N, C-alpha and C. Protein backbone atom coordinates (compact mmCIF):
# COMPACT_ATOMS: atom_id res chain seq x y z
N MET A 1 57.99 5.60 -9.26
CA MET A 1 57.38 6.79 -9.81
C MET A 1 58.22 8.03 -9.48
N GLU A 2 58.86 8.01 -8.30
CA GLU A 2 59.68 9.15 -7.89
C GLU A 2 60.88 9.32 -8.81
N LYS A 3 61.42 8.20 -9.29
CA LYS A 3 62.55 8.26 -10.19
C LYS A 3 62.15 8.90 -11.52
N THR A 4 60.92 8.68 -11.95
CA THR A 4 60.43 9.27 -13.19
C THR A 4 60.38 10.79 -13.07
N TYR A 5 59.91 11.29 -11.93
CA TYR A 5 59.85 12.74 -11.73
C TYR A 5 61.25 13.34 -11.67
N GLN A 6 62.18 12.62 -11.07
CA GLN A 6 63.55 13.11 -11.01
C GLN A 6 64.14 13.16 -12.42
N TRP A 7 63.91 12.12 -13.22
CA TRP A 7 64.40 12.10 -14.59
C TRP A 7 63.79 13.24 -15.41
N LEU A 8 62.49 13.46 -15.22
CA LEU A 8 61.79 14.52 -15.94
C LEU A 8 62.34 15.89 -15.55
N ALA A 9 62.61 16.09 -14.28
CA ALA A 9 63.16 17.37 -13.82
C ALA A 9 64.54 17.62 -14.43
N ILE A 10 65.36 16.59 -14.50
CA ILE A 10 66.69 16.72 -15.10
C ILE A 10 66.57 17.07 -16.58
N GLN A 11 65.66 16.42 -17.28
CA GLN A 11 65.47 16.71 -18.72
C GLN A 11 64.99 18.14 -18.93
N ILE A 12 64.11 18.61 -18.08
CA ILE A 12 63.61 19.99 -18.21
C ILE A 12 64.73 20.99 -17.93
N ILE A 13 65.55 20.71 -16.93
CA ILE A 13 66.69 21.60 -16.63
C ILE A 13 67.65 21.64 -17.80
N LEU A 14 67.94 20.48 -18.38
CA LEU A 14 68.83 20.43 -19.54
C LEU A 14 68.24 21.17 -20.74
N ALA A 15 66.93 21.07 -20.92
CA ALA A 15 66.27 21.80 -22.01
C ALA A 15 66.37 23.30 -21.78
N LEU A 16 66.22 23.74 -20.54
CA LEU A 16 66.35 25.17 -20.24
C LEU A 16 67.78 25.66 -20.48
N ILE A 17 68.75 24.83 -20.17
CA ILE A 17 70.15 25.19 -20.45
C ILE A 17 70.37 25.30 -21.96
N ALA A 18 69.78 24.39 -22.72
CA ALA A 18 69.90 24.46 -24.18
C ALA A 18 69.25 25.73 -24.72
N ILE A 19 68.11 26.12 -24.16
CA ILE A 19 67.45 27.36 -24.58
C ILE A 19 68.34 28.56 -24.27
N PHE A 20 68.98 28.54 -23.11
CA PHE A 20 69.91 29.62 -22.76
C PHE A 20 71.02 29.74 -23.80
N PHE A 21 71.60 28.62 -24.20
CA PHE A 21 72.69 28.67 -25.17
C PHE A 21 72.20 29.05 -26.57
N ILE A 22 70.97 28.72 -26.91
CA ILE A 22 70.42 29.20 -28.18
C ILE A 22 70.32 30.73 -28.15
N LEU A 23 69.81 31.27 -27.05
CA LEU A 23 69.71 32.72 -26.93
C LEU A 23 71.09 33.37 -26.90
N PHE A 24 72.05 32.74 -26.26
CA PHE A 24 73.42 33.24 -26.25
C PHE A 24 74.00 33.24 -27.66
N GLY A 25 73.74 32.19 -28.42
CA GLY A 25 74.23 32.12 -29.80
C GLY A 25 73.60 33.18 -30.68
N ILE A 26 72.32 33.45 -30.48
CA ILE A 26 71.64 34.50 -31.25
C ILE A 26 72.23 35.86 -30.89
N ASN A 27 72.49 36.09 -29.61
CA ASN A 27 73.11 37.33 -29.19
C ASN A 27 74.51 37.48 -29.79
N LEU A 28 75.27 36.41 -29.81
CA LEU A 28 76.61 36.43 -30.39
C LEU A 28 76.54 36.68 -31.89
N LEU A 29 75.55 36.12 -32.55
CA LEU A 29 75.36 36.36 -33.98
C LEU A 29 75.05 37.83 -34.24
N TYR A 30 74.21 38.42 -33.41
CA TYR A 30 73.90 39.84 -33.54
C TYR A 30 75.16 40.68 -33.35
N MET A 31 75.97 40.32 -32.35
CA MET A 31 77.20 41.06 -32.10
C MET A 31 78.22 40.88 -33.22
N ALA A 32 78.17 39.74 -33.90
CA ALA A 32 79.10 39.51 -35.01
C ALA A 32 78.89 40.53 -36.12
N TYR A 33 77.65 40.91 -36.34
CA TYR A 33 77.38 41.88 -37.40
C TYR A 33 77.81 43.29 -37.03
N GLN A 34 78.19 43.52 -35.78
CA GLN A 34 78.69 44.82 -35.36
C GLN A 34 80.20 44.95 -35.54
N ILE A 35 80.86 43.84 -35.86
CA ILE A 35 82.32 43.83 -36.00
C ILE A 35 82.69 44.31 -37.40
N ASN A 36 83.68 45.20 -37.46
CA ASN A 36 84.12 45.76 -38.74
C ASN A 36 85.24 44.97 -39.39
N GLU A 37 86.01 44.23 -38.60
CA GLU A 37 87.14 43.47 -39.13
C GLU A 37 86.63 42.16 -39.75
N PRO A 38 86.96 41.88 -41.02
CA PRO A 38 86.40 40.71 -41.72
C PRO A 38 86.74 39.37 -41.07
N PHE A 39 87.99 39.20 -40.65
CA PHE A 39 88.38 37.90 -40.08
C PHE A 39 87.63 37.63 -38.77
N SER A 40 87.55 38.62 -37.91
CA SER A 40 86.84 38.46 -36.65
C SER A 40 85.35 38.23 -36.89
N PHE A 41 84.80 38.91 -37.90
CA PHE A 41 83.39 38.69 -38.23
C PHE A 41 83.14 37.25 -38.64
N ILE A 42 83.98 36.73 -39.53
CA ILE A 42 83.80 35.36 -40.02
C ILE A 42 83.89 34.36 -38.88
N MET A 43 84.90 34.52 -38.02
CA MET A 43 85.10 33.58 -36.92
C MET A 43 83.94 33.65 -35.92
N THR A 44 83.48 34.85 -35.60
CA THR A 44 82.38 35.00 -34.66
C THR A 44 81.07 34.51 -35.26
N PHE A 45 80.88 34.77 -36.54
CA PHE A 45 79.68 34.33 -37.24
C PHE A 45 79.55 32.81 -37.22
N PHE A 46 80.62 32.12 -37.60
CA PHE A 46 80.57 30.66 -37.62
C PHE A 46 80.49 30.06 -36.21
N ALA A 47 81.15 30.70 -35.25
CA ALA A 47 81.08 30.20 -33.87
C ALA A 47 79.66 30.32 -33.34
N SER A 48 79.01 31.44 -33.60
CA SER A 48 77.64 31.61 -33.11
C SER A 48 76.68 30.64 -33.78
N ASN A 49 76.85 30.42 -35.07
CA ASN A 49 75.99 29.45 -35.75
C ASN A 49 76.22 28.03 -35.24
N PHE A 50 77.45 27.71 -34.90
CA PHE A 50 77.78 26.40 -34.34
C PHE A 50 77.12 26.22 -32.97
N ILE A 51 77.16 27.26 -32.15
CA ILE A 51 76.51 27.21 -30.83
C ILE A 51 75.01 27.01 -30.98
N ILE A 52 74.41 27.76 -31.90
CA ILE A 52 72.97 27.64 -32.14
C ILE A 52 72.61 26.25 -32.64
N LEU A 53 73.38 25.72 -33.57
CA LEU A 53 73.10 24.39 -34.14
C LEU A 53 73.16 23.29 -33.09
N ILE A 54 74.22 23.28 -32.29
CA ILE A 54 74.37 22.24 -31.28
C ILE A 54 73.29 22.37 -30.21
N SER A 55 73.01 23.59 -29.77
CA SER A 55 71.99 23.80 -28.74
C SER A 55 70.60 23.41 -29.23
N ALA A 56 70.28 23.74 -30.46
CA ALA A 56 68.97 23.37 -31.01
C ALA A 56 68.84 21.86 -31.14
N THR A 57 69.91 21.20 -31.54
CA THR A 57 69.88 19.74 -31.63
C THR A 57 69.66 19.11 -30.27
N LEU A 58 70.36 19.61 -29.25
CA LEU A 58 70.18 19.08 -27.90
C LEU A 58 68.78 19.36 -27.38
N LEU A 59 68.25 20.55 -27.67
CA LEU A 59 66.89 20.88 -27.22
C LEU A 59 65.87 19.94 -27.85
N ILE A 60 66.00 19.68 -29.13
CA ILE A 60 65.09 18.75 -29.80
C ILE A 60 65.20 17.36 -29.18
N THR A 61 66.42 16.93 -28.88
CA THR A 61 66.63 15.61 -28.27
C THR A 61 65.96 15.52 -26.90
N PHE A 62 66.13 16.55 -26.06
CA PHE A 62 65.53 16.53 -24.73
C PHE A 62 64.01 16.53 -24.81
N VAL A 63 63.46 17.33 -25.70
CA VAL A 63 62.00 17.39 -25.85
C VAL A 63 61.46 16.06 -26.35
N LEU A 64 62.14 15.45 -27.32
CA LEU A 64 61.68 14.15 -27.83
C LEU A 64 61.75 13.07 -26.75
N LYS A 65 62.78 13.10 -25.92
CA LYS A 65 62.87 12.14 -24.81
C LYS A 65 61.70 12.31 -23.84
N ILE A 66 61.38 13.56 -23.53
CA ILE A 66 60.28 13.82 -22.61
C ILE A 66 58.96 13.34 -23.20
N VAL A 67 58.71 13.67 -24.46
CA VAL A 67 57.46 13.28 -25.11
C VAL A 67 57.35 11.75 -25.20
N THR A 68 58.44 11.09 -25.56
CA THR A 68 58.43 9.63 -25.66
C THR A 68 58.15 8.99 -24.31
N ASN A 69 58.77 9.52 -23.27
CA ASN A 69 58.56 8.98 -21.92
C ASN A 69 57.12 9.18 -21.47
N ILE A 70 56.54 10.34 -21.73
CA ILE A 70 55.15 10.60 -21.34
C ILE A 70 54.20 9.68 -22.09
N ARG A 71 54.44 9.48 -23.37
CA ARG A 71 53.57 8.59 -24.16
C ARG A 71 53.65 7.15 -23.66
N LYS A 72 54.87 6.71 -23.32
CA LYS A 72 55.02 5.34 -22.81
C LYS A 72 54.32 5.18 -21.46
N SER A 73 54.42 6.18 -20.60
CA SER A 73 53.78 6.06 -19.30
C SER A 73 52.26 6.09 -19.43
N LYS A 74 51.72 6.85 -20.38
CA LYS A 74 50.27 6.86 -20.59
C LYS A 74 49.80 5.53 -21.17
N ALA A 75 50.62 4.91 -22.03
CA ALA A 75 50.25 3.61 -22.59
C ALA A 75 50.26 2.55 -21.51
N LYS A 76 51.21 2.64 -20.58
CA LYS A 76 51.25 1.67 -19.47
C LYS A 76 50.05 1.84 -18.54
N GLU A 77 49.60 3.07 -18.34
CA GLU A 77 48.44 3.31 -17.48
C GLU A 77 47.16 2.74 -18.10
N LYS A 78 47.06 2.83 -19.42
CA LYS A 78 45.88 2.29 -20.09
C LYS A 78 45.83 0.78 -20.02
N GLU A 79 47.02 0.14 -20.09
CA GLU A 79 47.08 -1.32 -20.05
C GLU A 79 46.78 -1.86 -18.65
N GLY A 80 47.32 -1.21 -17.66
CA GLY A 80 47.17 -1.82 -16.34
C GLY A 80 46.84 -0.86 -15.34
């Protein structure tokens, strides 16, 4: 049971890191619109969207892992 709590804590920490990078990507996207040079705007815009996309995908993955694990543990408790 202790290993389950350790795994859950790691997943929550990773989810928090993903949330941080989503917020960082949103901040970078906001800053991209402040740039006047077209080339720098395009590069910053796509970089920020890439950061947001990857972070959101990882966040969804971590949350789904946590939910799946909780559902499996509740099903095991009902059985035995």
